[in-house]
Amino acid sequence: THCTLVKYNFTVRAKELNLEWEEHTAKIANADTEHRCQVLKKLDIELNQVEESTASRWIQVLQLQIELAKLKMRNTVDLDMDISEGFT
């Protein structure tokens, strides 16, 4: 009977350890999943910031292109007026 009791206690303890192992493994998996979620959120925020910055830069480029085109048109008009004044 002592041997049976020892075997029973061993079996119970083995099941307890197995359950603890499964719980520990689940906690690690959950922590890993949570970490990956946080990394994805961080990367998504960084991507949005880069996209906003890129859009802002494109707006600046387009504004400069418009300003340059206006200056070129104004310069062309001024040259045309200078040329036509020379003929009169």
PDB file of N, CA and C in Angstrom:
ATOM      1  N   THR A   1       0.812  -1.200   0.000  1.00  0.00           N
ATOM      2  CA  THR A   1       0.000   0.000   0.000  1.00  0.00           C
ATOM      3  C   THR A   1       0.857   1.266   0.000  1.00  0.00           C
ATOM      4  N   HIS A   2       1.978   1.241   0.675  1.00  0.00           N
ATOM      5  CA  HIS A   2       2.879   2.392   0.656  1.00  0.00           C
ATOM      6  C   HIS A   2       3.372   2.640  -0.774  1.00  0.00           C
ATOM      7  N   CYS A   3       3.700   1.584  -1.473  1.00  0.00           N
ATOM      8  CA  CYS A   3       4.169   1.693  -2.860  1.00  0.00           C
ATOM      9  C   CYS A   3       3.059   2.254  -3.744  1.00  0.00           C
ATOM     10  N   THR A   4       1.830   1.824  -3.520  1.00  0.00           N
ATOM     11  CA  THR A   4       0.692   2.321  -4.290  1.00  0.00           C
ATOM     12  C   THR A   4       0.488   3.806  -4.017  1.00  0.00           C
ATOM     13  N   LEU A   5       0.614   4.207  -2.764  1.00  0.00           N
ATOM     14  CA  LEU A   5       0.464   5.613  -2.400  1.00  0.00           C
ATOM     15  C   LEU A   5       1.558   6.460  -3.044  1.00  0.00           C
ATOM     16  N   VAL A   6       2.776   5.983  -3.068  1.00  0.00           N
ATOM     17  CA  VAL A   6       3.883   6.694  -3.700  1.00  0.00           C
ATOM     18  C   VAL A   6       3.620   6.835  -5.197  1.00  0.00           C
ATOM     19  N   LYS A   7       3.176   5.746  -5.830  1.00  0.00           N
ATOM     20  CA  LYS A   7       2.862   5.800  -7.268  1.00  0.00           C
ATOM     21  C   LYS A   7       1.736   6.794  -7.537  1.00  0.00           C
ATOM     22  N   TYR A   8       0.724   6.787  -6.669  1.00  0.00           N
ATOM     23  CA  TYR A   8      -0.404   7.706  -6.830  1.00  0.00           C
ATOM     24  C   TYR A   8       0.080   9.153  -6.701  1.00  0.00           C
ATOM     25  N   ASN A   9       0.859   9.425  -5.651  1.00  0.00           N
ATOM     26  CA  ASN A   9       1.395  10.779  -5.454  1.00  0.00           C
ATOM     27  C   ASN A   9       2.278  11.203  -6.631  1.00  0.00           C
ATOM     28  N   PHE A  10       3.066  10.271  -7.132  1.00  0.00           N
ATOM     29  CA  PHE A  10       3.915  10.554  -8.288  1.00  0.00           C
ATOM     30  C   PHE A  10       3.060  10.901  -9.500  1.00  0.00           C
ATOM     31  N   THR A  11       2.002  10.125  -9.733  1.00  0.00           N
ATOM     32  CA  THR A  11       1.110  10.365 -10.875  1.00  0.00           C
ATOM     33  C   THR A  11       0.424  11.722 -10.742  1.00  0.00           C
ATOM     34  N   VAL A  12      -0.063  12.029  -9.538  1.00  0.00           N
ATOM     35  CA  VAL A  12      -0.718  13.319  -9.308  1.00  0.00           C
ATOM     36  C   VAL A  12       0.271  14.456  -9.542  1.00  0.00           C
ATOM     37  N   ARG A  13       1.468  14.331  -9.005  1.00  0.00           N
ATOM     38  CA  ARG A  13       2.470  15.391  -9.167  1.00  0.00           C
ATOM     39  C   ARG A  13       2.868  15.542 -10.629  1.00  0.00           C
ATOM     40  N   ALA A  14       2.982  14.427 -11.344  1.00  0.00           N
ATOM     41  CA  ALA A  14       3.317  14.481 -12.769  1.00  0.00           C
ATOM     42  C   ALA A  14       2.233  15.224 -13.540  1.00  0.00           C
ATOM     43  N   LYS A  15       0.965  14.975 -13.196  1.00  0.00           N
ATOM     44  CA  LYS A  15      -0.142  15.682 -13.861  1.00  0.00           C
ATOM     45  C   LYS A  15      -0.118  17.166 -13.515  1.00  0.00           C
ATOM     46  N   GLU A  16       0.185  17.485 -12.254  1.00  0.00           N
ATOM     47  CA  GLU A  16       0.291  18.890 -11.849  1.00  0.00           C
ATOM     48  C   GLU A  16       1.402  19.595 -12.619  1.00  0.00           C
ATOM     49  N   LEU A  17       2.547  18.944 -12.717  1.00  0.00           N
ATOM     50  CA  LEU A  17       3.669  19.529 -13.454  1.00  0.00           C
ATOM     51  C   LEU A  17       3.331  19.696 -14.931  1.00  0.00           C
ATOM     52  N   ASN A  18       2.648  18.725 -15.489  1.00  0.00           N
ATOM     53  CA  ASN A  18       2.243  18.806 -16.891  1.00  0.00           C
ATOM     54  C   ASN A  18       1.286  19.982 -17.094  1.00  0.00           C
ATOM     55  N   LEU A  19       0.334  20.151 -16.176  1.00  0.00           N
ATOM     56  CA  LEU A  19      -0.601  21.267 -16.260  1.00  0.00           C
ATOM     57  C   LEU A  19       0.136  22.600 -16.123  1.00  0.00           C
ATOM     58  N   GLU A  20       1.062  22.679 -15.170  1.00  0.00           N
ATOM     59  CA  GLU A  20       1.862  23.900 -15.011  1.00  0.00           C
ATOM     60  C   GLU A  20       2.661  24.199 -16.277  1.00  0.00           C
ATOM     61  N   TRP A  21       3.215  23.170 -16.898  1.00  0.00           N
ATOM     62  CA  TRP A  21       3.977  23.339 -18.137  1.00  0.00           C
ATOM     63  C   TRP A  21       3.083  23.887 -19.245  1.00  0.00           C
ATOM     64  N   GLU A  22       1.882  23.324 -19.371  1.00  0.00           N
ATOM     65  CA  GLU A  22       0.946  23.794 -20.400  1.00  0.00           C
ATOM     66  C   GLU A  22       0.541  25.245 -20.150  1.00  0.00           C
ATOM     67  N   GLU A  23       0.291  25.594 -18.870  1.00  0.00           N
ATOM     68  CA  GLU A  23      -0.054  26.980 -18.542  1.00  0.00           C
ATOM     69  C   GLU A  23       1.104  27.918 -18.860  1.00  0.00           C
ATOM     70  N   HIS A  24       2.299  27.498 -18.520  1.00  0.00           N
ATOM     71  CA  HIS A  24       3.495  28.307 -18.801  1.00  0.00           C
ATOM     72  C   HIS A  24       3.669  28.494 -20.310  1.00  0.00           C
ATOM     73  N   THR A  25       3.500  27.420 -21.051  1.00  0.00           N
ATOM     74  CA  THR A  25       3.619  27.487 -22.510  1.00  0.00           C
ATOM     75  C   THR A  25       2.568  28.425 -23.091  1.00  0.00           C
ATOM     76  N   ALA A  26       1.338  28.359 -22.574  1.00  0.00           N
ATOM     77  CA  ALA A  26       0.272  29.245 -23.048  1.00  0.00           C
ATOM     78  C   ALA A  26       0.601  30.705 -22.734  1.00  0.00           C
ATOM     79  N   LYS A  27       1.151  30.965 -21.536  1.00  0.00           N
ATOM     80  CA  LYS A  27       1.527  32.337 -21.173  1.00  0.00           C
ATOM     81  C   LYS A  27       2.608  32.874 -22.105  1.00  0.00           C
ATOM     82  N   ILE A  28       3.578  32.033 -22.413  1.00  0.00           N
ATOM     83  CA  ILE A  28       4.649  32.451 -23.325  1.00  0.00           C
ATOM     84  C   ILE A  28       4.072  32.750 -24.707  1.00  0.00           C
ATOM     85  N   ALA A  29       3.171  31.878 -25.174  1.00  0.00           N
ATOM     86  CA  ALA A  29       2.557  32.091 -26.489  1.00  0.00           C
ATOM     87  C   ALA A  29       1.751  33.386 -26.492  1.00  0.00           C
ATOM     88  N   ASN A  30       1.007  33.642 -25.418  1.00  0.00           N
ATOM     89  CA  ASN A  30       0.225  34.876 -25.333  1.00  0.00           C
ATOM     90  C   ASN A  30       1.132  36.101 -25.280  1.00  0.00           C
ATOM     91  N   ALA A  31       2.208  36.001 -24.532  1.00  0.00           N
ATOM     92  CA  ALA A  31       3.150  37.121 -24.450  1.00  0.00           C
ATOM     93  C   ALA A  31       3.791  37.382 -25.807  1.00  0.00           C
ATOM     94  N   ASP A  32       4.126  36.310 -26.513  1.00  0.00           N
ATOM     95  CA  ASP A  32       4.719  36.455 -27.845  1.00  0.00           C
ATOM     96  C   ASP A  32       3.727  37.098 -28.806  1.00  0.00           C
ATOM     97  N   THR A  33       2.476  36.644 -28.741  1.00  0.00           N
ATOM     98  CA  THR A  33       1.436  37.221 -29.596  1.00  0.00           C
ATOM     99  C   THR A  33       1.236  38.695 -29.272  1.00  0.00           C
ATOM    100  N   GLU A  34       1.192  39.028 -27.996  1.00  0.00           N
ATOM    101  CA  GLU A  34       1.024  40.422 -27.577  1.00  0.00           C
ATOM    102  C   GLU A  34       2.204  41.273 -28.044  1.00  0.00           C
ATOM    103  N   HIS A  35       3.405  40.727 -27.926  1.00  0.00           N
ATOM    104  CA  HIS A  35       4.598  41.457 -28.370  1.00  0.00           C
ATOM    105  C   HIS A  35       4.528  41.725 -29.874  1.00  0.00           C
ATOM    106  N   ARG A  36       4.156  40.701 -30.642  1.00  0.00           N
ATOM    107  CA  ARG A  36       4.050  40.893 -32.094  1.00  0.00           C
ATOM    108  C   ARG A  36       2.985  41.926 -32.425  1.00  0.00           C
ATOM    109  N   CYS A  37       1.888  41.915 -31.668  1.00  0.00           N
ATOM    110  CA  CYS A  37       0.825  42.908 -31.878  1.00  0.00           C
ATOM    111  C   CYS A  37       1.358  44.318 -31.633  1.00  0.00           C
ATOM    112  N   GLN A  38       2.108  44.494 -30.564  1.00  0.00           N
ATOM    113  CA  GLN A  38       2.671  45.804 -30.238  1.00  0.00           C
ATOM    114  C   GLN A  38       3.665  46.264 -31.307  1.00  0.00           C
ATOM    115  N   VAL A  39       4.480  45.336 -31.786  1.00  0.00           N
ATOM    116  CA  VAL A  39       5.442  45.669 -32.842  1.00  0.00           C
ATOM    117  C   VAL A  39       4.696  46.089 -34.104  1.00  0.00           C
ATOM    118  N   LEU A  40       3.634  45.364 -34.452  1.00  0.00           N
ATOM    119  CA  LEU A  40       2.848  45.713 -35.637  1.00  0.00           C
ATOM    120  C   LEU A  40       2.209  47.091 -35.488  1.00  0.00           C
ATOM    121  N   LYS A  41       1.683  47.392 -34.302  1.00  0.00           N
ATOM    122  CA  LYS A  41       1.089  48.712 -34.066  1.00  0.00           C
ATOM    123  C   LYS A  41       2.140  49.808 -34.227  1.00  0.00           C
ATOM    124  N   LYS A  42       3.324  49.570 -33.659  1.00  0.00           N
ATOM    125  CA  LYS A  42       4.408  50.555 -33.749  1.00  0.00           C
ATOM    126  C   LYS A  42       4.805  50.777 -35.207  1.00  0.00           C
ATOM    127  N   LEU A  43       4.946  49.685 -35.952  1.00  0.00           N
ATOM    128  CA  LEU A  43       5.323  49.807 -37.360  1.00  0.00           C
ATOM    129  C   LEU A  43       4.232  50.506 -38.162  1.00  0.00           C
ATOM    130  N   ASP A  44       2.972  50.246 -37.827  1.00  0.00           N
ATOM    131  CA  ASP A  44       1.861  50.900 -38.517  1.00  0.00           C
ATOM    132  C   ASP A  44       1.893  52.405 -38.262  1.00  0.00           C
ATOM    133  N   ILE A  45       2.175  52.794 -37.022  1.00  0.00           N
ATOM    134  CA  ILE A  45       2.279  54.221 -36.691  1.00  0.00           C
ATOM    135  C   ILE A  45       3.439  54.856 -37.454  1.00  0.00           C
ATOM    136  N   GLU A  46       4.580  54.176 -37.484  1.00  0.00           N
ATOM    137  CA  GLU A  46       5.741  54.701 -38.213  1.00  0.00           C
ATOM    138  C   GLU A  46       5.436  54.830 -39.700  1.00  0.00           C
ATOM    139  N   LEU A  47       4.732  53.843 -40.258  1.00  0.00           N
ATOM    140  CA  LEU A  47       4.366  53.899 -41.674  1.00  0.00           C
ATOM    141  C   LEU A  47       3.458  55.087 -41.942  1.00  0.00           C
ATOM    142  N   ASN A  48       2.475  55.306 -41.081  1.00  0.00           N
ATOM    143  CA  ASN A  48       1.581  56.451 -41.254  1.00  0.00           C
ATOM    144  C   ASN A  48       2.350  57.765 -41.192  1.00  0.00           C
ATOM    145  N   GLN A  49       3.311  57.857 -40.278  1.00  0.00           N
ATOM    146  CA  GLN A  49       4.116  59.078 -40.169  1.00  0.00           C
ATOM    147  C   GLN A  49       4.937  59.306 -41.434  1.00  0.00           C
ATOM    148  N   VAL A  50       5.510  58.244 -41.963  1.00  0.00           N
ATOM    149  CA  VAL A  50       6.307  58.361 -43.189  1.00  0.00           C
ATOM    150  C   VAL A  50       5.409  58.751 -44.359  1.00  0.00           C
ATOM    151  N   GLU A  51       4.215  58.147 -44.427  1.00  0.00           N
ATOM    152  CA  GLU A  51       3.292  58.496 -45.513  1.00  0.00           C
ATOM    153  C   GLU A  51       2.878  59.958 -45.421  1.00  0.00           C
ATOM    154  N   GLU A  52       2.607  60.444 -44.198  1.00  0.00           N
ATOM    155  CA  GLU A  52       2.255  61.857 -44.017  1.00  0.00           C
ATOM    156  C   GLU A  52       3.412  62.758 -44.426  1.00  0.00           C
ATOM    157  N   SER A  53       4.610  62.387 -44.027  1.00  0.00           N
ATOM    158  CA  SER A  53       5.789  63.172 -44.376  1.00  0.00           C
ATOM    159  C   SER A  53       5.989  63.193 -45.888  1.00  0.00           C
ATOM    160  N   THR A  54       5.792  62.036 -46.514  1.00  0.00           N
ATOM    161  CA  THR A  54       5.940  61.945 -47.966  1.00  0.00           C
ATOM    162  C   THR A  54       4.905  62.816 -48.664  1.00  0.00           C
ATOM    163  N   ALA A  55       3.669  62.767 -48.190  1.00  0.00           N
ATOM    164  CA  ALA A  55       2.613  63.589 -48.788  1.00  0.00           C
ATOM    165  C   ALA A  55       2.948  65.067 -48.629  1.00  0.00           C
ATOM    166  N   SER A  56       3.454  65.434 -47.465  1.00  0.00           N
ATOM    167  CA  SER A  56       3.830  66.822 -47.221  1.00  0.00           C
ATOM    168  C   SER A  56       4.948  67.252 -48.169  1.00  0.00           C
ATOM    169  N   ARG A  57       5.913  66.376 -48.369  1.00  0.00           N
ATOM    170  CA  ARG A  57       7.017  66.691 -49.295  1.00  0.00           C
ATOM    171  C   ARG A  57       6.495  66.855 -50.721  1.00  0.00           C
ATOM    172  N   TRP A  58       5.565  65.980 -51.127  1.00  0.00           N
ATOM    173  CA  TRP A  58       5.010  66.090 -52.481  1.00  0.00           C
ATOM    174  C   TRP A  58       4.269  67.408 -52.648  1.00  0.00           C
ATOM    175  N   ILE A  59       3.558  67.825 -51.607  1.00  0.00           N
ATOM    176  CA  ILE A  59       2.864  69.113 -51.668  1.00  0.00           C
ATOM    177  C   ILE A  59       3.882  70.232 -51.853  1.00  0.00           C
ATOM    178  N   GLN A  60       4.980  70.181 -51.114  1.00  0.00           N
ATOM    179  CA  GLN A  60       6.026  71.196 -51.258  1.00  0.00           C
ATOM    180  C   GLN A  60       6.608  71.182 -52.667  1.00  0.00           C
ATOM    181  N   VAL A  61       6.858  69.992 -53.204  1.00  0.00           N
ATOM    182  CA  VAL A  61       7.412  69.877 -54.558  1.00  0.00           C
ATOM    183  C   VAL A  61       6.449  70.484 -55.566  1.00  0.00           C
ATOM    184  N   LEU A  62       5.167  70.140 -55.446  1.00  0.00           N
ATOM    185  CA  LEU A  62       4.179  70.673 -56.390  1.00  0.00           C
ATOM    186  C   LEU A  62       4.065  72.193 -56.271  1.00  0.00           C
ATOM    187  N   GLN A  63       4.096  72.714 -55.049  1.00  0.00           N
ATOM    188  CA  GLN A  63       4.038  74.167 -54.867  1.00  0.00           C
ATOM    189  C   GLN A  63       5.248  74.847 -55.507  1.00  0.00           C
ATOM    190  N   LEU A  64       6.418  74.259 -55.346  1.00  0.00           N
ATOM    191  CA  LEU A  64       7.616  74.828 -55.962  1.00  0.00           C
ATOM    192  C   LEU A  64       7.557  74.739 -57.483  1.00  0.00           C
ATOM    193  N   GLN A  65       7.023  73.637 -57.999  1.00  0.00           N
ATOM    194  CA  GLN A  65       6.884  73.509 -59.451  1.00  0.00           C
ATOM    195  C   GLN A  65       5.920  74.557 -59.996  1.00  0.00           C
ATOM    196  N   ILE A  66       4.838  74.806 -59.271  1.00  0.00           N
ATOM    197  CA  ILE A  66       3.878  75.834 -59.693  1.00  0.00           C
ATOM    198  C   ILE A  66       4.537  77.205 -59.663  1.00  0.00           C
ATOM    199  N   GLU A  67       5.256  77.498 -58.598  1.00  0.00           N
ATOM    200  CA  GLU A  67       5.940  78.788 -58.487  1.00  0.00           C
ATOM    201  C   GLU A  67       6.969  78.961 -59.603  1.00  0.00           C
ATOM    202  N   LEU A  68       7.715  77.901 -59.893  1.00  0.00           N
ATOM    203  CA  LEU A  68       8.695  77.950 -60.971  1.00  0.00           C
ATOM    204  C   LEU A  68       8.014  78.187 -62.314  1.00  0.00           C
ATOM    205  N   ALA A  69       6.909  77.505 -62.552  1.00  0.00           N
ATOM    206  CA  ALA A  69       6.182  77.691 -63.811  1.00  0.00           C
ATOM    207  C   ALA A  69       5.676  79.124 -63.932  1.00  0.00           C
ATOM    208  N   LYS A  70       5.184  79.692 -62.817  1.00  0.00           N
ATOM    209  CA  LYS A  70       4.716  81.083 -62.838  1.00  0.00           C
ATOM    210  C   LYS A  70       5.864  82.034 -63.164  1.00  0.00           C
ATOM    211  N   LEU A  71       7.025  81.803 -62.544  1.00  0.00           N
ATOM    212  CA  LEU A  71       8.179  82.664 -62.808  1.00  0.00           C
ATOM    213  C   LEU A  71       8.626  82.557 -64.261  1.00  0.00           C
ATOM    214  N   LYS A  72       8.619  81.351 -64.802  1.00  0.00           N
ATOM    215  CA  LYS A  72       9.007  81.170 -66.203  1.00  0.00           C
ATOM    216  C   LYS A  72       8.028  81.875 -67.126  1.00  0.00           C
ATOM    217  N   MET A  73       6.726  81.764 -66.803  1.00  0.00           N
ATOM    218  CA  MET A  73       5.725  82.439 -67.642  1.00  0.00           C
ATOM    219  C   MET A  73       5.900  83.949 -67.566  1.00  0.00           C
ATOM    220  N   ARG A  74       6.133  84.461 -66.365  1.00  0.00           N
ATOM    221  CA  ARG A  74       6.316  85.892 -66.175  1.00  0.00           C
ATOM    222  C   ARG A  74       7.562  86.360 -66.929  1.00  0.00           C
ATOM    223  N   ASN A  75       8.626  85.575 -66.877  1.00  0.00           N
ATOM    224  CA  ASN A  75       9.860  85.906 -67.568  1.00  0.00           C
ATOM    225  C   ASN A  75       9.639  85.902 -69.078  1.00  0.00           C
ATOM    226  N   THR A  76       8.890  84.918 -69.564  1.00  0.00           N
ATOM    227  CA  THR A  76       8.599  84.840 -70.999  1.00  0.00           C
ATOM    228  C   THR A  76       7.782  86.043 -71.443  1.00  0.00           C
ATOM    229  N   VAL A  77       6.781  86.420 -70.644  1.00  0.00           N
ATOM    230  CA  VAL A  77       5.947  87.583 -70.976  1.00  0.00           C
ATOM    231  C   VAL A  77       6.802  88.843 -70.974  1.00  0.00           C
ATOM    232  N   ASP A  78       7.679  88.989 -69.986  1.00  0.00           N
ATOM    233  CA  ASP A  78       8.554  90.162 -69.923  1.00  0.00           C
ATOM    234  C   ASP A  78       9.477  90.220 -71.139  1.00  0.00           C
ATOM    235  N   LEU A  79      10.019  89.084 -71.552  1.00  0.00           N
ATOM    236  CA  LEU A  79      10.888  89.056 -72.727  1.00  0.00           C
ATOM    237  C   LEU A  79      10.114  89.425 -73.980  1.00  0.00           C
ATOM    238  N   ASP A  80       8.889  88.907 -74.105  1.00  0.00           N
ATOM    239  CA  ASP A  80       8.060  89.236 -75.268  1.00  0.00           C
ATOM    240  C   ASP A  80       7.764  90.726 -75.312  1.00  0.00           C
ATOM    241  N   MET A  81       7.510  91.318 -74.146  1.00  0.00           N
ATOM    242  CA  MET A  81       7.219  92.752 -74.109  1.00  0.00           C
ATOM    243  C   MET A  81       8.464  93.558 -74.477  1.00  0.00           C
ATOM    244  N   ASP A  82       9.640  93.127 -74.003  1.00  0.00           N
ATOM    245  CA  ASP A  82      10.880  93.823 -74.334  1.00  0.00           C
ATOM    246  C   ASP A  82      11.144  93.760 -75.832  1.00  0.00           C
ATOM    247  N   ILE A  83      10.905  92.603 -76.410  1.00  0.00           N
ATOM    248  CA  ILE A  83      11.138  92.436 -77.850  1.00  0.00           C
ATOM    249  C   ILE A  83      10.162  93.293 -78.640  1.00  0.00           C
ATOM    250  N   SER A  84       8.882  93.281 -78.257  1.00  0.00           N
ATOM    251  CA  SER A  84       7.888  94.059 -79.005  1.00  0.00           C
ATOM    252  C   SER A  84       8.119  95.558 -78.834  1.00  0.00           C
ATOM    253  N   GLU A  85       8.627  96.000 -77.697  1.00  0.00           N
ATOM    254  CA  GLU A  85       8.925  97.417 -77.501  1.00  0.00           C
ATOM    255  C   GLU A  85      10.096  97.843 -78.372  1.00  0.00           C
ATOM    256  N   GLY A  86      11.007  96.937 -78.638  1.00  0.00           N
ATOM    257  CA  GLY A  86      12.150  97.257 -79.469  1.00  0.00           C
ATOM    258  C   GLY A  86      11.756  97.476 -80.919  1.00  0.00           C
ATOM    259  N   PHE A  87      10.625  96.934 -81.343  1.00  0.00           N
ATOM    260  CA  PHE A  87      10.183  97.080 -82.726  1.00  0.00           C
ATOM    261  C   PHE A  87       9.322  98.310 -82.930  1.00  0.00           C
ATOM    262  N   THR A  88       8.885  98.960 -81.890  1.00  0.00           N
ATOM    263  CA  THR A  88       8.001 100.110 -82.078  1.00  0.00           C
ATOM    264  C   THR A  88       8.708 101.417 -82.058  1.00  0.00           C
TER     265      THR A  88
END
